[in-house]
Amino acid sequence: MQEGYLVVGGDSLVGGGVIRALKKRGHTCVATTRRKESVSDDRVYLDFRDEAVFEAPSNINYAFIIAATTNYERCETDPEAHVTNVEHIPRLVLSLLDQGVFVTFISTNSVFGGDQAWPNEDAPHDPRIAYAQQKSLGEKNILDGAKAAGTLELLNIVRLTKILTPDVSPLPGWIETWGKGEVVEPFSDLLFAPMSVEFVSESLVTIGEHRISGMLHLSGADNVSYTQLAESMARRLSFSSDLIKPTTATAKGIEIAFKPRYSGLGMERTTRLTGLHPQMLDDLVDGIFPAPKEN
């Protein structure tokens, strides 16, 4: 039977990337929309708040659940964010599983709290901020429901590290500043394990094609500081390293909501089952800042 894919959250950065990757590989896919006027052959209506059961289109047998409330501040202050992440989205996942649809639920490295070095796929959670707590509870609700219904074999949970694009702050500002011959001051005390949208999207489609149940991770290959990112970018874009003057968020008096000691995720199980490997920093930078075309 031909695979038909549903992308819940198709308007998001990753969702859009997954749709492009699916189409590139020749797969049939549809996305969801909350706007009834936007419904079309490749857009189906879905509102998490509806009590009615969402019925997957008849040609769909796999779903990527990429939608969530991710803004840290909103998760801290808006009760609706908790309801969406902990109740509505898990309810949708369990409904799709009951319909026999294989589901990939997207989660986050922040469920591990940031003090574990390279936590593996089955490491214990230690969420510190509201968003992480909500995603951790969402995972639990999904796993408990799937176990009770006997549908665990149709489910995987894929946790991601930070996704970087050329438009993410402070990258555009750095490039503009370097273009003026001026110094940038990246934070050496802010660590992450960045990945590109293309890497994540292609990897998720590979996971979808393998239909592997259980816990999976996608991660950058190194815990790097923003200083290290700036150095890699400067090399790629042929700017002098003299235009980089490291500082710290602490020295600048800037409060960071999630400031992990470790951000990268262990991918041992994921690599063994899919052949996917963490993305190297230089590969990421080369990918999001391609070399100019020769005339």
C-alpha atoms as a PDB file:
ATOM      1  CA  MET A   1       0.000   0.000   0.000  1.00  0.00           C
ATOM      2  CA  GLN A   2       1.310   3.438  -0.926  1.00  0.00           C
ATOM      3  CA  GLU A   3       2.184   5.681   2.005  1.00  0.00           C
ATOM      4  CA  GLY A   4       0.017   8.755   2.494  1.00  0.00           C
ATOM      5  CA  TYR A   5       1.352  11.302   4.968  1.00  0.00           C
ATOM      6  CA  LEU A   6      -0.455  13.876   7.088  1.00  0.00           C
ATOM      7  CA  VAL A   7       1.537  16.851   8.405  1.00  0.00           C
ATOM      8  CA  VAL A   8      -0.129  18.512  11.386  1.00  0.00           C
ATOM      9  CA  GLY A   9       1.582  21.875  11.647  1.00  0.00           C
ATOM     10  CA  GLY A  10       2.389  22.161   7.959  1.00  0.00           C
ATOM     11  CA  ASP A  11       2.627  25.955   8.185  1.00  0.00           C
ATOM     12  CA  SER A  12       5.455  25.765  10.710  1.00  0.00           C
ATOM     13  CA  LEU A  13       9.152  25.916   9.844  1.00  0.00           C
ATOM     14  CA  VAL A  14       9.704  22.184  10.273  1.00  0.00           C
ATOM     15  CA  GLY A  15       6.275  21.255   8.936  1.00  0.00           C
ATOM     16  CA  GLY A  16       6.912  23.117   5.709  1.00  0.00           C
ATOM     17  CA  GLY A  17      10.287  21.434   5.406  1.00  0.00           C
ATOM     18  CA  VAL A  18       8.752  17.988   5.920  1.00  0.00           C
ATOM     19  CA  ILE A  19       6.171  18.657   3.208  1.00  0.00           C
ATOM     20  CA  ARG A  20       8.934  19.674   0.778  1.00  0.00           C
ATOM     21  CA  ALA A  21      10.979  16.581   1.656  1.00  0.00           C
ATOM     22  CA  LEU A  22       7.980  14.267   1.247  1.00  0.00           C
ATOM     23  CA  LYS A  23       7.113  15.705  -2.163  1.00  0.00           C
ATOM     24  CA  LYS A  24      10.738  15.536  -3.272  1.00  0.00           C
ATOM     25  CA  ARG A  25      10.728  11.803  -2.522  1.00  0.00           C
ATOM     26  CA  GLY A  26       7.475  11.296  -4.392  1.00  0.00           C
ATOM     27  CA  HIS A  27       5.191  10.767  -1.413  1.00  0.00           C
ATOM     28  CA  THR A  28       1.551  11.781  -1.199  1.00  0.00           C
ATOM     29  CA  CYS A  29       0.991  14.271   1.620  1.00  0.00           C
ATOM     30  CA  VAL A  30      -1.603  16.634   3.005  1.00  0.00           C
ATOM     31  CA  ALA A  31      -1.311  19.292   5.700  1.00  0.00           C
ATOM     32  CA  THR A  32      -3.817  20.569   8.227  1.00  0.00           C
ATOM     33  CA  THR A  33      -5.196  24.072   8.561  1.00  0.00           C
ATOM     34  CA  ARG A  34      -7.314  25.840  11.191  1.00  0.00           C
ATOM     35  CA  ARG A  35      -8.767  28.172   8.553  1.00  0.00           C
ATOM     36  CA  LYS A  36     -11.813  26.659   6.866  1.00  0.00           C
ATOM     37  CA  GLU A  37     -11.393  28.980   3.892  1.00  0.00           C
ATOM     38  CA  SER A  38      -7.954  27.419   3.277  1.00  0.00           C
ATOM     39  CA  VAL A  39      -9.232  23.846   2.892  1.00  0.00           C
ATOM     40  CA  SER A  40      -8.190  22.309  -0.449  1.00  0.00           C
ATOM     41  CA  ASP A  41      -7.109  19.011  -1.974  1.00  0.00           C
ATOM     42  CA  ASP A  42      -3.878  19.132   0.016  1.00  0.00           C
ATOM     43  CA  ARG A  43      -5.209  20.977   3.114  1.00  0.00           C
ATOM     44  CA  VAL A  44      -7.672  19.454   5.568  1.00  0.00           C
ATOM     45  CA  TYR A  45      -9.412  21.259   8.399  1.00  0.00           C
ATOM     46  CA  LEU A  46      -8.301  20.582  11.972  1.00  0.00           C
ATOM     47  CA  ASP A  47      -8.819  22.571  15.158  1.00  0.00           C
ATOM     48  CA  PHE A  48      -7.363  21.024  18.319  1.00  0.00           C
ATOM     49  CA  ARG A  49     -10.110  22.621  20.379  1.00  0.00           C
ATOM     50  CA  ASP A  50     -12.892  20.694  18.651  1.00  0.00           C
ATOM     51  CA  GLU A  51     -14.347  17.926  20.782  1.00  0.00           C
ATOM     52  CA  ALA A  52     -15.323  15.936  17.698  1.00  0.00           C
ATOM     53  CA  VAL A  53     -12.899  13.196  16.680  1.00  0.00           C
ATOM     54  CA  PHE A  54     -10.676  14.173  13.757  1.00  0.00           C
ATOM     55  CA  GLU A  55     -10.948  11.521  11.071  1.00  0.00           C
ATOM     56  CA  ALA A  56      -7.821  11.106   8.990  1.00  0.00           C
ATOM     57  CA  PRO A  57      -8.362  11.162   5.212  1.00  0.00           C
ATOM     58  CA  SER A  58      -8.816   7.650   3.795  1.00  0.00           C
ATOM     59  CA  ASN A  59      -5.461   7.709   1.971  1.00  0.00           C
ATOM     60  CA  ILE A  60      -3.472   8.639   5.102  1.00  0.00           C
ATOM     61  CA  ASN A  61      -1.605   6.001   7.076  1.00  0.00           C
ATOM     62  CA  TYR A  62       1.164   8.103   8.648  1.00  0.00           C
ATOM     63  CA  ALA A  63       1.034  11.420  10.527  1.00  0.00           C
ATOM     64  CA  PHE A  64       3.711  13.864  11.671  1.00  0.00           C
ATOM     65  CA  ILE A  65       2.469  15.858  14.676  1.00  0.00           C
ATOM     66  CA  ILE A  66       4.655  18.966  14.504  1.00  0.00           C
ATOM     67  CA  ALA A  67       2.202  21.538  15.874  1.00  0.00           C
ATOM     68  CA  ALA A  68       2.572  22.773  19.463  1.00  0.00           C
ATOM     69  CA  THR A  69       2.664  25.922  21.551  1.00  0.00           C
ATOM     70  CA  THR A  70       6.413  26.519  21.779  1.00  0.00           C
ATOM     71  CA  ASN A  71       6.843  30.111  22.951  1.00  0.00           C
ATOM     72  CA  TYR A  72       8.504  29.909  26.372  1.00  0.00           C
ATOM     73  CA  GLU A  73       6.801  32.991  27.784  1.00  0.00           C
ATOM     74  CA  ARG A  74       3.359  31.940  26.608  1.00  0.00           C
ATOM     75  CA  CYS A  75       3.842  28.487  28.110  1.00  0.00           C
ATOM     76  CA  GLU A  76       4.690  30.144  31.430  1.00  0.00           C
ATOM     77  CA  THR A  77       1.706  32.516  31.489  1.00  0.00           C
ATOM     78  CA  ASP A  78      -1.118  31.253  29.256  1.00  0.00           C
ATOM     79  CA  PRO A  79      -3.225  28.351  30.617  1.00  0.00           C
ATOM     80  CA  GLU A  80      -4.367  27.589  27.070  1.00  0.00           C
ATOM     81  CA  ALA A  81      -0.784  26.653  26.147  1.00  0.00           C
ATOM     82  CA  HIS A  82      -0.850  23.942  28.803  1.00  0.00           C
ATOM     83  CA  VAL A  83      -4.199  22.638  27.549  1.00  0.00           C
ATOM     84  CA  THR A  84      -2.939  22.524  23.960  1.00  0.00           C
ATOM     85  CA  ASN A  85       0.354  20.770  24.722  1.00  0.00           C
ATOM     86  CA  VAL A  86      -0.821  18.421  27.463  1.00  0.00           C
ATOM     87  CA  GLU A  87      -4.413  17.625  26.501  1.00  0.00           C
ATOM     88  CA  HIS A  88      -5.487  18.578  22.981  1.00  0.00           C
ATOM     89  CA  ILE A  89      -2.465  17.360  21.000  1.00  0.00           C
ATOM     90  CA  PRO A  90      -2.122  14.071  22.920  1.00  0.00           C
ATOM     91  CA  ARG A  91      -5.856  13.486  22.350  1.00  0.00           C
ATOM     92  CA  LEU A  92      -5.308  13.923  18.614  1.00  0.00           C
ATOM     93  CA  VAL A  93      -2.329  11.544  18.629  1.00  0.00           C
ATOM     94  CA  LEU A  94      -4.275   8.838  20.455  1.00  0.00           C
ATOM     95  CA  SER A  95      -7.223   9.244  18.092  1.00  0.00           C
ATOM     96  CA  LEU A  96      -4.994   8.798  15.048  1.00  0.00           C
ATOM     97  CA  LEU A  97      -3.386   5.733  16.609  1.00  0.00           C
ATOM     98  CA  ASP A  98      -6.836   4.251  17.224  1.00  0.00           C
ATOM     99  CA  GLN A  99      -7.548   4.751  13.510  1.00  0.00           C
ATOM    100  CA  GLY A 100      -4.481   2.677  12.638  1.00  0.00           C
ATOM    101  CA  VAL A 101      -2.378   5.660  11.582  1.00  0.00           C
ATOM    102  CA  PHE A 102       1.323   5.499  12.442  1.00  0.00           C
ATOM    103  CA  VAL A 103       2.275   8.691  14.320  1.00  0.00           C
ATOM    104  CA  THR A 104       5.505  10.644  14.791  1.00  0.00           C
ATOM    105  CA  PHE A 105       5.108  13.047  17.711  1.00  0.00           C
ATOM    106  CA  ILE A 106       7.698  15.823  17.850  1.00  0.00           C
ATOM    107  CA  SER A 107       9.163  16.649  21.251  1.00  0.00           C
ATOM    108  CA  THR A 108      12.175  18.544  22.576  1.00  0.00           C
ATOM    109  CA  ASN A 109      15.586  18.140  24.178  1.00  0.00           C
ATOM    110  CA  SER A 110      14.450  20.485  26.941  1.00  0.00           C
ATOM    111  CA  VAL A 111      12.570  17.640  28.656  1.00  0.00           C
ATOM    112  CA  PHE A 112      15.989  16.514  29.959  1.00  0.00           C
ATOM    113  CA  GLY A 113      16.661  19.786  31.783  1.00  0.00           C
ATOM    114  CA  GLY A 114      20.097  20.574  30.348  1.00  0.00           C
ATOM    115  CA  ASP A 115      22.322  18.989  33.006  1.00  0.00           C
ATOM    116  CA  GLN A 116      22.620  15.556  31.347  1.00  0.00           C
ATOM    117  CA  ALA A 117      25.422  15.152  28.822  1.00  0.00           C
ATOM    118  CA  TRP A 118      24.107  13.480  25.662  1.00  0.00           C
ATOM    119  CA  PRO A 119      20.987  11.854  27.180  1.00  0.00           C
ATOM    120  CA  ASN A 120      19.989   8.783  25.238  1.00  0.00           C
ATOM    121  CA  GLU A 121      16.533   8.058  23.888  1.00  0.00           C
ATOM    122  CA  ASP A 122      15.353   6.430  27.137  1.00  0.00           C
ATOM    123  CA  ALA A 123      17.018   8.793  29.634  1.00  0.00           C
ATOM    124  CA  PRO A 124      14.853  10.112  32.510  1.00  0.00           C
ATOM    125  CA  HIS A 125      13.194  13.492  32.160  1.00  0.00           C
ATOM    126  CA  ASP A 126      14.048  16.500  34.307  1.00  0.00           C
ATOM    127  CA  PRO A 127      12.088  19.429  32.789  1.00  0.00           C
ATOM    128  CA  ARG A 128      12.879  22.849  34.297  1.00  0.00           C
ATOM    129  CA  ILE A 129      10.695  25.333  32.380  1.00  0.00           C
ATOM    130  CA  ALA A 130       6.966  25.323  31.632  1.00  0.00           C
ATOM    131  CA  TYR A 131       7.369  24.433  27.944  1.00  0.00           C
ATOM    132  CA  ALA A 132       9.563  21.442  28.815  1.00  0.00           C
ATOM    133  CA  GLN A 133       7.183  20.348  31.557  1.00  0.00           C
ATOM    134  CA  GLN A 134       4.256  20.502  29.153  1.00  0.00           C
ATOM    135  CA  LYS A 135       6.053  18.490  26.483  1.00  0.00           C
ATOM    136  CA  SER A 136       7.124  15.934  29.082  1.00  0.00           C
ATOM    137  CA  LEU A 137       3.541  15.574  30.302  1.00  0.00           C
ATOM    138  CA  GLY A 138       2.352  15.396  26.702  1.00  0.00           C
ATOM    139  CA  GLU A 139       4.754  12.522  26.049  1.00  0.00           C
ATOM    140  CA  LYS A 140       3.529  10.722  29.173  1.00  0.00           C
ATOM    141  CA  ASN A 141      -0.134  11.135  28.280  1.00  0.00           C
ATOM    142  CA  ILE A 142       0.487   9.803  24.797  1.00  0.00           C
ATOM    143  CA  LEU A 143       2.556   6.843  25.980  1.00  0.00           C
ATOM    144  CA  ASP A 144       0.096   5.928  28.735  1.00  0.00           C
ATOM    145  CA  GLY A 145      -2.853   6.134  26.339  1.00  0.00           C
ATOM    146  CA  ALA A 146      -1.114   4.157  23.604  1.00  0.00           C
ATOM    147  CA  LYS A 147      -0.038   1.469  26.054  1.00  0.00           C
ATOM    148  CA  ALA A 148      -3.595   1.124  27.371  1.00  0.00           C
ATOM    149  CA  ALA A 149      -4.960   0.917  23.815  1.00  0.00           C
ATOM    150  CA  GLY A 150      -2.281  -1.475  22.572  1.00  0.00           C
ATOM    151  CA  THR A 151      -1.057   0.913  19.871  1.00  0.00           C
ATOM    152  CA  LEU A 152       2.537   1.563  20.977  1.00  0.00           C
ATOM    153  CA  GLU A 153       3.842  -0.205  17.876  1.00  0.00           C
ATOM    154  CA  LEU A 154       2.318   2.603  15.782  1.00  0.00           C
ATOM    155  CA  LEU A 155       4.060   5.419  17.664  1.00  0.00           C
ATOM    156  CA  ASN A 156       7.418   7.106  17.812  1.00  0.00           C
ATOM    157  CA  ILE A 157       8.438  10.210  19.722  1.00  0.00           C
ATOM    158  CA  VAL A 158      11.215  12.225  18.085  1.00  0.00           C
ATOM    159  CA  ARG A 159      12.999  14.806  20.240  1.00  0.00           C
ATOM    160  CA  LEU A 160      14.836  17.663  18.534  1.00  0.00           C
ATOM    161  CA  THR A 161      17.558  20.113  19.483  1.00  0.00           C
ATOM    162  CA  LYS A 162      17.457  23.738  18.302  1.00  0.00           C
ATOM    163  CA  ILE A 163      16.761  24.427  14.650  1.00  0.00           C
ATOM    164  CA  LEU A 164      18.764  27.213  13.031  1.00  0.00           C
ATOM    165  CA  THR A 165      17.985  29.234   9.916  1.00  0.00           C
ATOM    166  CA  PRO A 166      19.740  32.259   8.379  1.00  0.00           C
ATOM    167  CA  ASP A 167      16.908  34.457   9.679  1.00  0.00           C
ATOM    168  CA  VAL A 168      17.193  33.419  13.335  1.00  0.00           C
ATOM    169  CA  SER A 169      18.513  36.152  15.614  1.00  0.00           C
ATOM    170  CA  PRO A 170      21.313  37.095  16.055  1.00  0.00           C
ATOM    171  CA  LEU A 171      22.646  35.756  12.737  1.00  0.00           C
ATOM    172  CA  PRO A 172      21.374  38.507  10.406  1.00  0.00           C
ATOM    173  CA  GLY A 173      22.685  41.157  12.791  1.00  0.00           C
ATOM    174  CA  TRP A 174      26.112  39.545  12.887  1.00  0.00           C
ATOM    175  CA  ILE A 175      26.381  39.511   9.111  1.00  0.00           C
ATOM    176  CA  GLU A 176      25.277  43.128   8.862  1.00  0.00           C
ATOM    177  CA  THR A 177      27.789  44.156  11.534  1.00  0.00           C
ATOM    178  CA  TRP A 178      30.642  42.256   9.895  1.00  0.00           C
ATOM    179  CA  GLY A 179      29.754  43.887   6.584  1.00  0.00           C
ATOM    180  CA  LYS A 180      30.504  47.237   8.220  1.00  0.00           C
ATOM    181  CA  GLY A 181      33.833  45.945   9.502  1.00  0.00           C
ATOM    182  CA  GLU A 182      32.560  46.046  13.091  1.00  0.00           C
ATOM    183  CA  VAL A 183      32.876  43.584  15.967  1.00  0.00           C
ATOM    184  CA  VAL A 184      30.134  41.233  17.162  1.00  0.00           C
ATOM    185  CA  GLU A 185      29.887  39.978  20.741  1.00  0.00           C
ATOM    186  CA  PRO A 186      28.490  36.414  20.784  1.00  0.00           C
ATOM    187  CA  PHE A 187      27.722  34.686  24.091  1.00  0.00           C
ATOM    188  CA  SER A 188      30.210  32.029  25.135  1.00  0.00           C
ATOM    189  CA  ASP A 189      27.956  30.863  27.981  1.00  0.00           C
ATOM    190  CA  LEU A 190      24.920  29.996  25.825  1.00  0.00           C
ATOM    191  CA  LEU A 191      25.218  26.451  24.476  1.00  0.00           C
ATOM    192  CA  PHE A 192      23.133  24.573  21.963  1.00  0.00           C
ATOM    193  CA  ALA A 193      23.369  21.756  19.402  1.00  0.00           C
ATOM    194  CA  PRO A 194      21.919  23.352  16.262  1.00  0.00           C
ATOM    195  CA  MET A 195      20.493  21.629  13.197  1.00  0.00           C
ATOM    196  CA  SER A 196      19.201  22.918   9.872  1.00  0.00           C
ATOM    197  CA  VAL A 197      15.576  22.718   8.740  1.00  0.00           C
ATOM    198  CA  GLU A 198      16.622  20.621   5.752  1.00  0.00           C
ATOM    199  CA  PHE A 199      18.537  18.132   7.925  1.00  0.00           C
ATOM    200  CA  VAL A 200      15.617  17.757  10.332  1.00  0.00           C
ATOM    201  CA  SER A 201      13.010  17.502   7.581  1.00  0.00           C
ATOM    202  CA  GLU A 202      14.897  14.919   5.540  1.00  0.00           C
ATOM    203  CA  SER A 203      15.665  12.945   8.702  1.00  0.00           C
ATOM    204  CA  LEU A 204      12.014  12.932   9.775  1.00  0.00           C
ATOM    205  CA  VAL A 205      10.934  11.635   6.379  1.00  0.00           C
ATOM    206  CA  THR A 206      13.567   8.897   6.631  1.00  0.00           C
ATOM    207  CA  ILE A 207      12.155   7.982  10.042  1.00  0.00           C
ATOM    208  CA  GLY A 208       8.678   7.964   8.503  1.00  0.00           C
ATOM    209  CA  GLU A 209       9.774   5.649   5.725  1.00  0.00           C
ATOM    210  CA  HIS A 210      11.302   3.240   8.264  1.00  0.00           C
ATOM    211  CA  ARG A 211       8.175   3.260  10.493  1.00  0.00           C
ATOM    212  CA  ILE A 212      10.220   2.658  13.654  1.00  0.00           C
ATOM    213  CA  SER A 213       8.335   2.764  16.941  1.00  0.00           C
ATOM    214  CA  GLY A 214       9.731   4.024  20.250  1.00  0.00           C
ATOM    215  CA  MET A 215      11.952   6.940  21.226  1.00  0.00           C
ATOM    216  CA  LEU A 216      14.209   8.628  18.660  1.00  0.00           C
ATOM    217  CA  HIS A 217      16.498  11.670  18.679  1.00  0.00           C
ATOM    218  CA  LEU A 218      17.765  14.195  16.134  1.00  0.00           C
ATOM    219  CA  SER A 219      20.641  16.410  17.250  1.00  0.00           C
ATOM    220  CA  GLY A 220      23.528  18.585  16.286  1.00  0.00           C
ATOM    221  CA  ALA A 221      26.831  16.755  16.685  1.00  0.00           C
ATOM    222  CA  ASP A 222      28.347  19.099  19.275  1.00  0.00           C
ATOM    223  CA  ASN A 223      27.363  21.274  22.205  1.00  0.00           C
ATOM    224  CA  VAL A 224      28.576  24.589  20.825  1.00  0.00           C
ATOM    225  CA  SER A 225      28.492  28.133  22.116  1.00  0.00           C
ATOM    226  CA  TYR A 226      27.295  31.098  20.106  1.00  0.00           C
ATOM    227  CA  THR A 227      30.941  32.121  19.970  1.00  0.00           C
ATOM    228  CA  GLN A 228      31.807  28.873  18.200  1.00  0.00           C
ATOM    229  CA  LEU A 229      28.894  29.399  15.826  1.00  0.00           C
ATOM    230  CA  ALA A 230      30.138  32.901  15.035  1.00  0.00           C
ATOM    231  CA  GLU A 231      33.628  31.542  14.337  1.00  0.00           C
ATOM    232  CA  SER A 232      32.266  28.915  11.945  1.00  0.00           C
ATOM    233  CA  MET A 233      30.102  31.507  10.194  1.00  0.00           C
ATOM    234  CA  ALA A 234      33.013  33.930   9.853  1.00  0.00           C
ATOM    235  CA  ARG A 235      35.120  31.231   8.189  1.00  0.00           C
ATOM    236  CA  ARG A 236      32.299  30.326   5.829  1.00  0.00           C
ATOM    237  CA  LEU A 237      31.570  33.935   4.879  1.00  0.00           C
ATOM    238  CA  SER A 238      35.250  34.997   4.721  1.00  0.00           C
ATOM    239  CA  PHE A 239      35.143  37.492   7.577  1.00  0.00           C
ATOM    240  CA  SER A 240      38.085  37.958   9.927  1.00  0.00           C
ATOM    241  CA  SER A 241      37.954  36.248  13.324  1.00  0.00           C
ATOM    242  CA  ASP A 242      39.209  39.598  14.667  1.00  0.00           C
ATOM    243  CA  LEU A 243      35.607  40.785  14.280  1.00  0.00           C
ATOM    244  CA  ILE A 244      34.489  38.383  17.033  1.00  0.00           C
ATOM    245  CA  LYS A 245      34.751  39.498  20.669  1.00  0.00           C
ATOM    246  CA  PRO A 246      33.209  36.858  22.962  1.00  0.00           C
ATOM    247  CA  THR A 247      31.148  37.919  25.957  1.00  0.00           C
ATOM    248  CA  THR A 248      28.549  36.248  28.170  1.00  0.00           C
ATOM    249  CA  ALA A 249      24.844  36.663  28.798  1.00  0.00           C
ATOM    250  CA  THR A 250      25.720  37.029  32.460  1.00  0.00           C
ATOM    251  CA  ALA A 251      28.081  39.914  31.773  1.00  0.00           C
ATOM    252  CA  LYS A 252      25.413  41.618  29.656  1.00  0.00           C
ATOM    253  CA  GLY A 253      22.780  41.136  32.367  1.00  0.00           C
ATOM    254  CA  ILE A 254      20.519  39.146  30.041  1.00  0.00           C
ATOM    255  CA  GLU A 255      18.221  36.508  31.517  1.00  0.00           C
ATOM    256  CA  ILE A 256      17.900  33.353  29.393  1.00  0.00           C
ATOM    257  CA  ALA A 257      14.813  31.184  30.063  1.00  0.00           C
ATOM    258  CA  PHE A 258      16.497  27.924  29.070  1.00  0.00           C
ATOM    259  CA  LYS A 259      20.267  27.948  29.512  1.00  0.00           C
ATOM    260  CA  PRO A 260      21.429  24.318  29.477  1.00  0.00           C
ATOM    261  CA  ARG A 261      24.891  23.111  30.337  1.00  0.00           C
ATOM    262  CA  TYR A 262      24.338  20.424  27.702  1.00  0.00           C
ATOM    263  CA  SER A 263      21.983  20.647  24.743  1.00  0.00           C
ATOM    264  CA  GLY A 264      22.937  17.769  22.450  1.00  0.00           C
ATOM    265  CA  LEU A 265      21.035  14.494  22.396  1.00  0.00           C
ATOM    266  CA  GLY A 266      22.442  10.984  22.223  1.00  0.00           C
ATOM    267  CA  MET A 267      21.391   9.255  19.001  1.00  0.00           C
ATOM    268  CA  GLU A 268      22.709   5.721  19.482  1.00  0.00           C
ATOM    269  CA  ARG A 269      19.365   3.943  19.013  1.00  0.00           C
ATOM    270  CA  THR A 270      18.288   6.293  16.238  1.00  0.00           C
ATOM    271  CA  THR A 271      21.533   5.808  14.315  1.00  0.00           C
ATOM    272  CA  ARG A 272      21.435   2.036  14.734  1.00  0.00           C
ATOM    273  CA  LEU A 273      17.878   1.762  13.412  1.00  0.00           C
ATOM    274  CA  THR A 274      17.851   4.464  10.720  1.00  0.00           C
ATOM    275  CA  GLY A 275      21.465   5.139   9.726  1.00  0.00           C
ATOM    276  CA  LEU A 276      21.012   8.825  10.630  1.00  0.00           C
ATOM    277  CA  HIS A 277      23.885  10.656  12.342  1.00  0.00           C
ATOM    278  CA  PRO A 278      24.047  13.992  14.198  1.00  0.00           C
ATOM    279  CA  GLN A 279      24.630  17.045  12.023  1.00  0.00           C
ATOM    280  CA  MET A 280      28.113  18.588  12.176  1.00  0.00           C
ATOM    281  CA  LEU A 281      28.307  22.331  12.846  1.00  0.00           C
ATOM    282  CA  ASP A 282      30.313  23.129   9.718  1.00  0.00           C
ATOM    283  CA  ASP A 283      27.856  21.102   7.607  1.00  0.00           C
ATOM    284  CA  LEU A 284      25.018  23.120   9.114  1.00  0.00           C
ATOM    285  CA  VAL A 285      26.713  26.444   8.393  1.00  0.00           C
ATOM    286  CA  ASP A 286      27.659  25.376   4.869  1.00  0.00           C
ATOM    287  CA  GLY A 287      24.047  24.365   4.283  1.00  0.00           C
ATOM    288  CA  ILE A 288      22.349  27.523   5.486  1.00  0.00           C
ATOM    289  CA  PHE A 289      24.957  29.841   3.956  1.00  0.00           C
ATOM    290  CA  PRO A 290      25.637  28.234   0.549  1.00  0.00           C
ATOM    291  CA  ALA A 291      28.598  29.401  -1.491  1.00  0.00           C
ATOM    292  CA  PRO A 292      27.728  32.073  -4.077  1.00  0.00           C
ATOM    293  CA  LYS A 293      27.188  30.754  -7.594  1.00  0.00           C
ATOM    294  CA  GLU A 294      29.993  31.387 -10.037  1.00  0.00           C
ATOM    295  CA  ASN A 295      29.149  33.490 -13.085  1.00  0.00           C
END
